[in-house]
Amino acid sequence: MSVSHVTTHILDTTLGRPAPGVAVVLEARDGDAWTGIGSGFTDADGRVKELGPERLESGIYRLRFDTAAYFAGISTDSFFPEVVLTFQVDAGQAHYHVPLLLSPFAYSTYRGS
């Protein structure tokens, strides 16, 4: 099994556990437009391992997380219906892991390993 050049996982910091079933879309910037190049749902461990191509060209990409559906599914009010994380990829780098730490009224991220 190959792993995507970009992977992610989501931890629900309020509940202290992974966030399963969250729709995630990987998009590439092309001038002023964005093009979807991969998508998936977080698994029971909150991870999406097969999100897009095994190799990406250098450029600007973003991950879009459908947080509204996740919070609605656990009957929790939230402030952010969507989280969008934009980042830069260097094709020479082997892998990019972009985690999301999520709560109903805040989120944070970092470049993982």
Protein backbone atom coordinates (compact mmCIF):
# COMPACT_ATOMS: atom_id res chain seq x y z
CA MET A 1 0.00 0.00 0.00
CA SER A 2 1.39 3.41 -0.95
CA VAL A 3 0.90 6.43 1.28
CA SER A 4 -0.13 9.81 -0.05
CA HIS A 5 2.45 12.59 -0.17
CA VAL A 6 0.12 14.48 2.21
CA THR A 7 -1.63 12.78 5.13
CA THR A 8 -3.61 14.14 8.04
CA HIS A 9 -5.33 13.19 11.24
CA ILE A 10 -7.80 14.95 13.52
CA LEU A 11 -7.93 14.85 17.28
CA ASP A 12 -11.05 16.17 19.02
CA THR A 13 -9.36 17.90 21.94
CA THR A 14 -12.63 18.42 23.82
CA LEU A 15 -13.42 14.71 23.88
CA GLY A 16 -9.77 13.63 24.04
CA ARG A 17 -10.07 11.19 21.15
CA PRO A 18 -9.75 10.93 17.36
CA ALA A 19 -12.46 12.45 15.18
CA PRO A 20 -13.78 9.73 12.82
CA GLY A 21 -15.89 10.29 9.72
CA VAL A 22 -14.70 13.80 8.84
CA ALA A 23 -14.67 14.57 5.11
CA VAL A 24 -11.31 15.97 3.96
CA VAL A 25 -10.45 17.37 0.53
CA LEU A 26 -6.93 18.03 -0.77
CA GLU A 27 -6.72 20.85 -3.31
CA ALA A 28 -3.93 22.34 -5.41
CA ARG A 29 -3.68 26.04 -6.24
CA ASP A 30 -3.56 26.86 -9.92
CA GLY A 31 -3.27 30.65 -10.24
CA ASP A 32 -6.34 32.02 -8.45
CA ALA A 33 -8.29 28.75 -8.66
CA TRP A 34 -8.25 25.60 -6.56
CA THR A 35 -8.52 22.09 -8.02
CA GLY A 36 -9.49 19.03 -6.01
CA ILE A 37 -6.86 16.30 -6.30
CA GLY A 38 -7.89 13.93 -3.53
CA SER A 39 -10.45 13.32 -0.82
CA GLY A 40 -11.34 10.93 1.92
CA PHE A 41 -12.84 10.48 5.36
CA THR A 42 -11.02 10.11 8.64
CA ASP A 43 -11.00 6.53 9.91
CA ALA A 44 -11.71 5.33 13.46
CA ASP A 45 -8.24 6.58 14.46
CA GLY A 46 -8.98 10.03 12.96
CA ARG A 47 -6.52 9.46 10.08
CA VAL A 48 -6.65 9.79 6.30
CA LYS A 49 -3.68 7.92 4.85
CA GLU A 50 -4.78 7.76 1.21
CA LEU A 51 -5.72 11.34 0.50
CA GLY A 52 -4.15 12.06 -2.84
CA PRO A 53 -1.24 11.26 -5.11
CA GLU A 54 1.86 9.47 -3.82
CA ARG A 55 3.96 12.39 -5.18
CA LEU A 56 3.03 16.06 -5.57
CA GLU A 57 4.75 18.79 -7.53
CA SER A 58 6.12 21.75 -5.59
CA GLY A 59 3.39 24.29 -4.99
CA ILE A 60 0.62 25.59 -2.75
CA TYR A 61 -1.99 23.13 -1.47
CA ARG A 62 -4.78 23.15 1.05
CA LEU A 63 -6.80 20.73 3.11
CA ARG A 64 -10.52 21.43 3.66
CA PHE A 65 -12.16 19.71 6.64
CA ASP A 66 -15.97 19.48 6.90
CA THR A 67 -16.18 20.19 10.60
CA ALA A 68 -19.89 21.19 10.51
CA ALA A 69 -21.00 17.66 9.62
CA TYR A 70 -18.71 16.15 12.27
CA PHE A 71 -20.04 18.34 15.08
CA ALA A 72 -23.65 17.92 13.93
CA GLY A 73 -23.08 14.15 14.04
CA ILE A 74 -22.09 14.32 17.70
CA SER A 75 -24.82 16.87 18.56
CA THR A 76 -22.35 19.63 19.41
CA ASP A 77 -22.65 23.31 18.56
CA SER A 78 -19.55 24.74 16.92
CA PHE A 79 -18.23 28.00 15.51
CA PHE A 80 -16.20 26.82 12.49
CA PRO A 81 -18.28 24.97 9.86
CA GLU A 82 -15.12 24.32 7.86
CA VAL A 83 -11.40 24.43 8.55
CA VAL A 84 -9.07 25.24 5.66
CA LEU A 85 -5.32 24.77 6.06
CA THR A 86 -3.11 26.16 3.30
CA PHE A 87 0.53 25.06 3.07
CA GLN A 88 3.49 24.86 0.71
CA VAL A 89 4.92 21.59 -0.64
CA ASP A 90 8.47 21.03 -1.83
CA ALA A 91 8.46 18.02 -4.18
CA GLY A 92 11.87 17.02 -2.78
CA GLN A 93 10.41 16.37 0.68
CA ALA A 94 9.38 12.76 1.23
CA HIS A 95 6.14 13.32 3.15
CA TYR A 96 3.89 15.96 4.66
CA HIS A 97 1.69 15.18 7.66
CA VAL A 98 -0.72 17.99 8.57
CA PRO A 99 -2.64 17.23 11.79
CA LEU A 100 -5.66 19.16 13.02
CA LEU A 101 -6.38 19.60 16.73
CA LEU A 102 -10.06 20.47 16.89
CA SER A 103 -12.61 21.68 19.40
CA PRO A 104 -16.01 23.32 18.83
CA PHE A 105 -14.65 26.87 19.16
CA ALA A 106 -10.94 26.59 18.30
CA TYR A 107 -8.44 24.66 16.23
CA SER A 108 -4.68 24.45 15.77
CA THR A 109 -2.30 22.67 13.45
CA TYR A 110 1.39 22.01 12.86
CA ARG A 111 3.63 20.18 10.46
CA GLY A 112 3.81 16.67 11.81
CA SER A 113 6.06 13.78 10.94
